[in-house]
Protein backbone atom coordinates (compact mmCIF):
# COMPACT_ATOMS: atom_id res chain seq x y z
CA MET A 1 -121.91 -40.59 85.80
CA LEU A 2 -121.45 -37.17 87.77
CA ALA A 3 -118.55 -38.89 89.47
CA ILE A 4 -116.65 -38.70 86.53
CA PRO A 5 -117.14 -34.60 85.81
CA PHE A 6 -117.43 -34.34 89.91
CA ALA A 7 -113.74 -35.77 90.01
CA ALA A 8 -112.36 -34.03 86.83
CA ALA A 9 -113.30 -30.49 88.70
CA TYR A 10 -111.57 -31.74 92.00
CA GLY A 11 -108.64 -33.12 90.32
CA ALA A 12 -108.02 -29.88 87.94
CA SER A 13 -108.31 -27.98 90.84
CA PHE A 14 -106.04 -29.79 92.76
CA CYS A 15 -103.26 -29.04 89.80
CA GLY A 16 -104.28 -25.45 89.35
CA GLN A 17 -103.63 -24.99 93.07
CA ASN A 18 -100.83 -27.22 93.79
CA THR A 19 -97.83 -24.98 93.77
CA THR A 20 -95.21 -27.24 94.03
CA LEU A 21 -95.96 -28.14 90.54
CA PRO A 22 -94.62 -25.27 87.85
CA VAL A 23 -97.48 -22.93 86.46
CA ARG A 24 -97.44 -24.63 82.73
CA LEU A 25 -96.95 -28.11 84.21
CA ARG A 26 -100.34 -27.48 86.20
CA ALA A 27 -102.27 -25.91 83.39
CA ALA A 28 -101.36 -28.91 81.22
CA LEU A 29 -102.34 -31.66 83.73
CA ALA A 30 -105.78 -29.61 84.38
CA VAL A 31 -106.52 -29.50 80.82
CA THR A 32 -105.90 -33.15 80.19
CA ILE A 33 -108.13 -34.15 83.05
CA LEU A 34 -111.01 -31.88 81.85
CA ALA A 35 -110.57 -33.20 78.18
CA SER A 36 -110.70 -36.76 79.58
CA ALA A 37 -113.66 -36.16 81.30
CA VAL A 38 -115.80 -34.57 78.76
CA LEU A 39 -114.78 -37.15 76.46
CA ALA A 40 -115.70 -39.68 79.15
CA CYS A 41 -118.77 -38.15 79.74
CA THR A 42 -119.48 -38.10 75.48
CA ASN A 43 -119.28 -42.08 76.07
CA GLN A 44 -121.68 -42.18 78.47
CA ARG A 45 -125.68 -42.71 77.50
CA THR A 46 -126.54 -39.71 80.40
CA PRO A 47 -125.90 -36.32 78.66
CA MET A 48 -123.38 -34.09 81.30
CA ARG A 49 -125.23 -31.74 82.51
CA PRO A 50 -125.02 -27.90 81.43
CA SER A 51 -124.36 -26.77 84.58
CA MET A 52 -121.23 -29.32 84.92
CA LEU A 53 -120.07 -28.45 81.36
CA LEU A 54 -120.15 -24.70 82.42
CA ARG A 55 -118.41 -25.62 85.54
CA LEU A 56 -115.42 -27.49 83.89
CA ALA A 57 -115.06 -24.76 81.13
CA THR A 58 -114.94 -22.09 84.28
CA ILE A 59 -112.14 -23.91 85.49
CA LEU A 60 -110.15 -24.41 82.71
CA SER A 61 -110.82 -20.49 81.52
CA ALA A 62 -109.26 -19.82 85.42
CA LEU A 63 -106.12 -21.95 84.76
CA LEU A 64 -105.14 -20.82 81.52
CA ALA A 65 -105.59 -17.12 82.72
CA VAL A 66 -102.85 -18.13 85.35
CA SER A 67 -100.42 -19.29 82.96
CA PRO A 68 -99.52 -16.99 80.68
CA GLY A 69 -99.11 -17.70 77.05
CA PHE A 70 -100.30 -21.30 77.56
CA ALA A 71 -102.82 -20.98 75.38
CA ALA A 72 -100.97 -18.54 73.07
CA THR A 73 -98.22 -19.74 70.07
CA ALA A 74 -95.19 -19.76 71.00
CA PRO A 75 -92.90 -17.40 69.56
CA ALA A 76 -91.00 -18.79 66.49
CA GLY A 77 -86.99 -17.70 67.00
CA PRO A 78 -86.11 -14.14 69.22
CA GLN A 79 -88.50 -11.31 69.63
CA LEU A 80 -86.81 -7.68 69.28
CA GLY A 81 -87.28 -5.38 72.23
CA LEU A 82 -86.38 -2.14 73.59
CA GLN A 83 -84.28 -1.74 76.95
CA THR A 84 -85.56 2.11 77.94
CA TRP A 85 -81.96 2.96 79.06
CA THR A 86 -81.54 3.69 75.05
CA CYS A 87 -84.67 6.42 75.55
CA ARG A 88 -83.07 7.94 78.75
CA ASN A 89 -83.77 11.13 78.28
CA MET A 90 -87.07 10.67 77.49
CA ASN A 91 -90.60 10.33 80.42
CA PHE A 92 -93.15 6.99 80.37
CA ASP A 93 -95.23 8.87 77.66
CA GLN A 94 -92.46 9.77 75.71
CA VAL A 95 -91.26 6.00 75.29
CA VAL A 96 -94.58 5.02 74.98
CA ALA A 97 -94.70 7.08 71.58
CA PHE A 98 -91.30 6.41 70.40
CA ALA A 99 -91.72 2.24 70.77
CA VAL A 100 -95.14 2.72 69.18
CA LYS A 101 -93.45 4.94 66.29
CA HIS A 102 -90.80 2.01 65.87
CA GLY A 103 -92.88 -0.87 66.19
CA ILE A 104 -91.19 -2.62 69.23
CA THR A 105 -93.99 -4.10 71.36
CA GLN A 106 -91.58 -5.67 74.32
CA ILE A 107 -90.72 -2.99 76.65
CA GLN A 108 -87.93 -3.25 79.40
CA PHE A 109 -88.20 -0.24 81.79
CA ILE A 110 -85.76 1.11 83.87
CA ALA A 111 -87.23 3.04 87.22
CA ALA A 112 -87.14 6.23 86.11
CA GLN A 113 -89.98 5.54 83.73
CA LEU A 114 -91.40 2.82 85.50
CA ASP A 115 -90.86 2.58 89.20
CA PRO A 116 -91.09 -1.02 90.92
CA LYS A 117 -90.98 0.52 94.24
CA GLY A 118 -93.69 3.50 93.32
CA PRO A 119 -97.33 3.53 94.27
CA PRO A 120 -99.09 0.01 93.07
CA ALA A 121 -101.86 2.56 91.66
CA GLU A 122 -99.86 4.38 89.57
CA SER A 123 -97.88 1.52 88.10
CA LEU A 124 -101.71 0.10 87.04
CA ARG A 125 -102.36 3.22 85.46
CA LYS A 126 -99.06 3.06 83.08
CA LYS A 127 -100.09 -0.79 82.72
CA ALA A 128 -103.30 0.38 81.18
CA ILE A 129 -101.70 2.74 78.91
CA LEU A 130 -99.50 0.10 77.56
CA ASP A 131 -101.80 -2.45 77.23
CA ALA A 132 -103.94 0.45 75.03
CA HIS A 133 -100.80 0.55 72.47
CA GLY A 134 -100.74 -3.04 72.33
CA LEU A 135 -97.05 -2.88 74.65
CA ARG A 136 -95.91 -5.03 77.29
CA ALA A 137 -93.72 -4.44 80.07
CA TYR A 138 -91.76 -7.57 80.03
CA THR A 139 -89.60 -6.85 82.34
CA PHE A 140 -87.63 -3.72 84.35
CA GLY A 141 -84.13 -3.08 85.40
CA VAL A 142 -81.09 -3.36 85.98
CA ASN A 143 -82.61 -3.13 89.82
CA GLY A 144 -80.63 -2.71 92.98
CA THR A 145 -81.09 -5.22 95.48
CA SER A 146 -79.73 -5.58 99.10
CA MET A 147 -79.55 -7.89 102.30
CA ASP A 148 -82.50 -6.56 103.03
CA LYS A 149 -85.24 -9.37 102.06
CA GLU A 150 -88.53 -7.36 102.44
CA ASP A 151 -87.23 -4.50 100.39
CA ASN A 152 -85.87 -6.95 97.84
CA ARG A 153 -90.18 -8.31 97.76
CA LYS A 154 -90.92 -4.90 96.30
CA LEU A 155 -89.51 -5.99 93.04
CA PHE A 156 -91.32 -9.51 93.25
CA GLU A 157 -94.45 -7.65 94.57
CA PHE A 158 -94.68 -5.41 91.63
CA ALA A 159 -93.58 -7.79 89.05
CA LYS A 160 -96.98 -9.97 90.41
CA LEU A 161 -98.64 -6.57 90.10
CA MET A 162 -97.55 -6.63 86.08
CA GLY A 163 -97.89 -9.99 85.34
CA ILE A 164 -93.95 -9.86 84.29
CA GLY A 165 -92.18 -13.13 84.77
CA VAL A 166 -88.52 -11.71 84.89
CA ILE A 167 -86.47 -9.44 86.76
CA ILE A 168 -83.51 -8.34 85.93
CA VAL A 169 -80.90 -7.50 88.74
CA GLU A 170 -76.88 -6.90 89.29
CA PRO A 171 -76.25 -7.76 93.00
CA LYS A 172 -73.25 -6.21 94.28
CA GLU A 173 -72.83 -9.01 97.19
CA GLN A 174 -72.99 -12.62 96.71
CA ALA A 175 -74.64 -13.40 100.43
CA GLN A 176 -77.67 -11.60 98.76
CA TRP A 177 -78.20 -14.69 96.61
CA ASP A 178 -79.87 -16.23 99.79
CA ASN A 179 -82.79 -13.85 100.25
CA LEU A 180 -83.08 -13.49 96.99
CA GLU A 181 -83.46 -17.35 95.98
CA GLU A 182 -85.89 -17.64 98.99
CA LEU A 183 -88.08 -14.63 97.05
CA VAL A 184 -87.64 -16.72 93.53
CA ARG A 185 -89.25 -19.83 94.95
CA GLU A 186 -91.76 -17.89 97.04
CA TYR A 187 -93.16 -16.02 93.72
CA ASP A 188 -92.46 -18.27 91.33
CA ILE A 189 -90.94 -14.91 89.30
CA LYS A 190 -87.51 -15.67 87.91
CA LEU A 191 -83.90 -13.47 88.27
CA ALA A 192 -81.52 -12.70 85.36
CA ILE A 193 -78.33 -11.64 85.64
CA HIS A 194 -76.96 -8.49 84.23
CA ASN A 195 -73.16 -8.29 83.20
CA HIS A 196 -71.20 -4.87 82.74
CA GLY A 197 -67.22 -5.20 81.71
CA THR A 198 -63.93 -5.60 83.11
CA GLY A 199 -63.89 -5.26 86.76
CA THR A 200 -67.18 -5.20 87.73
CA VAL A 201 -68.99 -8.38 89.49
CA TYR A 202 -70.29 -10.42 86.77
CA GLY A 203 -67.66 -9.05 84.21
CA ASP A 204 -66.75 -12.75 84.39
CA PRO A 205 -68.81 -15.49 83.02
CA ALA A 206 -66.98 -17.93 85.45
CA THR A 207 -68.75 -15.81 88.31
CA VAL A 208 -72.26 -15.73 86.87
CA GLN A 209 -71.61 -19.69 86.37
CA LYS A 210 -70.66 -20.33 89.87
CA VAL A 211 -74.04 -18.48 90.65
CA LEU A 212 -76.32 -20.86 88.35
CA ALA A 213 -74.22 -23.59 89.29
CA ALA A 214 -75.18 -22.84 93.29
CA ARG A 215 -78.81 -21.76 93.01
CA ASP A 216 -82.26 -22.02 91.90
CA HIS A 217 -83.20 -22.73 88.14
CA ARG A 218 -85.21 -19.70 88.07
CA ILE A 219 -82.23 -17.72 88.60
CA GLY A 220 -80.71 -17.07 85.00
CA VAL A 221 -78.69 -14.60 82.72
CA CYS A 222 -79.57 -11.10 80.84
CA LEU A 223 -76.75 -11.43 78.25
CA ASP A 224 -75.32 -7.88 77.91
CA VAL A 225 -73.72 -8.81 74.24
CA GLY A 226 -71.79 -5.04 74.34
CA TRP A 227 -70.11 -5.57 77.98
CA VAL A 228 -69.21 -9.55 77.41
CA THR A 229 -67.92 -8.11 74.31
CA ALA A 230 -65.73 -5.29 75.76
CA ALA A 231 -64.43 -7.57 78.52
CA GLY A 232 -62.98 -10.05 75.93
CA PHE A 233 -65.31 -13.03 75.26
CA ASP A 234 -67.11 -14.33 72.46
CA ALA A 235 -70.78 -13.90 73.03
CA ALA A 236 -71.91 -16.86 71.03
CA GLU A 237 -69.70 -19.00 73.28
CA VAL A 238 -70.79 -17.46 76.35
CA PHE A 239 -74.34 -17.76 75.24
CA LYS A 240 -74.08 -21.53 74.64
CA ALA A 241 -72.15 -22.04 78.05
CA TYR A 242 -75.08 -20.67 79.76
CA GLY A 243 -77.31 -23.15 78.16
CA ASP A 244 -81.25 -22.97 79.08
CA ARG A 245 -80.35 -20.41 81.83
CA VAL A 246 -80.60 -17.07 79.26
CA TYR A 247 -83.87 -15.44 80.29
CA ASP A 248 -82.98 -11.99 78.38
CA ILE A 249 -80.27 -10.46 75.98
CA HIS A 250 -79.02 -7.18 75.44
CA PHE A 251 -78.74 -6.35 72.15
CA LYS A 252 -75.84 -3.81 71.95
CA ASP A 253 -72.49 -3.41 70.09
CA LYS A 254 -69.32 -2.16 71.08
CA VAL A 255 -65.49 -1.58 69.93
CA ILE A 256 -62.44 -1.37 71.65
CA GLU A 257 -60.37 1.59 71.15
CA THR A 258 -56.97 2.68 72.52
CA ALA A 259 -56.36 5.69 74.74
CA VAL A 260 -53.43 7.78 74.37
CA ASP A 261 -52.58 6.11 77.77
CA GLY A 262 -52.63 3.14 76.09
CA LYS A 263 -55.69 1.96 78.24
CA LYS A 264 -58.45 0.16 76.15
CA VAL A 265 -61.44 1.76 76.22
CA PRO A 266 -64.95 0.39 75.05
CA LEU A 267 -67.30 2.62 73.06
CA ASP A 268 -70.93 1.70 71.77
CA THR A 269 -71.34 1.73 68.01
CA GLU A 270 -74.40 0.91 65.73
CA ILE A 271 -75.44 -2.62 66.35
CA GLY A 272 -73.77 -5.16 64.28
CA LYS A 273 -71.16 -3.07 63.45
CA GLY A 274 -68.94 -3.47 66.26
CA ALA A 275 -66.77 -6.38 68.08
CA ALA A 276 -69.32 -8.63 68.93
CA ASN A 277 -70.00 -11.56 67.64
CA TYR A 278 -73.59 -11.51 66.33
CA ALA A 279 -73.49 -14.19 63.56
CA GLY A 280 -72.33 -16.45 65.91
CA LEU A 281 -74.19 -15.46 68.26
CA PHE A 282 -77.84 -15.88 66.09
CA ALA A 283 -76.84 -18.92 64.53
CA ALA A 284 -76.68 -20.31 68.51
CA ILE A 285 -80.13 -18.71 69.00
CA LYS A 286 -81.57 -20.41 66.05
CA ALA A 287 -79.43 -23.43 66.94
CA SER A 288 -81.13 -23.90 70.01
CA GLY A 289 -84.62 -22.56 69.63
CA TRP A 290 -83.92 -19.64 72.04
CA SER A 291 -87.06 -16.96 71.67
CA GLY A 292 -86.60 -14.71 74.40
CA VAL A 293 -86.14 -11.05 74.04
CA MET A 294 -83.33 -9.08 72.89
CA ALA A 295 -83.67 -5.71 73.77
CA ILE A 296 -82.11 -2.79 72.02
CA GLU A 297 -80.01 -0.88 74.47
CA THR A 298 -77.12 1.85 74.23
CA ASP A 299 -74.94 3.28 76.68
CA SER A 300 -74.19 6.09 74.35
CA LYS A 301 -75.02 9.26 75.51
CA ALA A 302 -75.05 10.58 71.86
CA PHE A 303 -76.95 7.69 70.38
CA ALA A 304 -79.67 8.41 73.56
CA GLU A 305 -79.70 12.33 72.78
CA ASP A 306 -81.93 11.13 69.70
CA PRO A 307 -82.13 6.61 69.46
CA ASN A 308 -84.09 6.83 66.06
CA ARG A 309 -81.49 5.87 63.96
CA LEU A 310 -80.12 3.55 65.96
CA VAL A 311 -83.37 2.14 66.50
CA SER A 312 -84.13 1.80 63.21
CA GLU A 313 -80.72 0.22 62.09
CA ALA A 314 -80.66 -2.31 64.70
CA LYS A 315 -84.24 -3.71 63.46
CA VAL A 316 -83.20 -3.77 60.05
CA PHE A 317 -79.79 -5.82 61.39
CA PHE A 318 -81.94 -7.91 63.57
CA ALA A 319 -84.80 -9.04 60.74
CA SER A 320 -81.66 -9.54 58.64
CA GLN A 321 -80.31 -11.96 60.84
CA VAL A 322 -83.33 -13.81 62.13
CA GLY A 323 -84.74 -14.31 58.43
CA GLN A 324 -87.62 -11.43 58.75
CA LYS A 325 -88.70 -9.03 55.94
């Protein structure tokens, strides 16, 4: 009878350590093995030793621990977050207070407030503050990258330290993707390509699509709704075209005005009051079951001086679109 729990323990451990499998699949396989072992043992005449039950429980707990959110209920629909470029005139502690005030728990930090290349002890000190306030640094960026793989590694080491599963980037050179893809595979941490407007590297979704087609599935998109709209694209159609590769959304809106010289100028406005096709985007999000974070962001200096009204109104608009009260 002892062969059953020992075999289960070995099999579960193998699943947990087999890094060629996705983390959640490893955990699922391990749970299945352990549960089957417990059921098998309960059908034996000789009860399982308490020490073996403890060993199986310990392995199960460890595997659940390395699979963030595995045991938790998956969020129903998109979550509202905050991109702290919106709060670029604030320091880290002020951002924490601002997020608590507005009841936003999912935070996407810029380096000025949470430096991915800073001392690890300082990062952990700030993580403890976030934890104490019920906040989560779910990602960070937009990060600069280079041809220097070891410098790029610092971003992945920071993400690993902080328990972050996706990194926002906007590589200026296509050749950088070779070393970035290697790091994605090594760390099993996703990258999300951020877009700016017309004339920038990823201003045209077709350029992004080429990267997605050629690279690891863990390389996806941070869809900036304001900028993709300013570039003349329908955010809903772009979202649908990216399929399951959208890992983050910048919740932003812009209007296009014509300057005296005839040039088109994109300007930030309140979210939901600009040119972005949010009706279509939220319909597409609902249809796809997407449950990522839509992080409130603005490029406007005026809004950034005091982002309270922008964020409050964005919360109301978000709730109206996803059916929250």
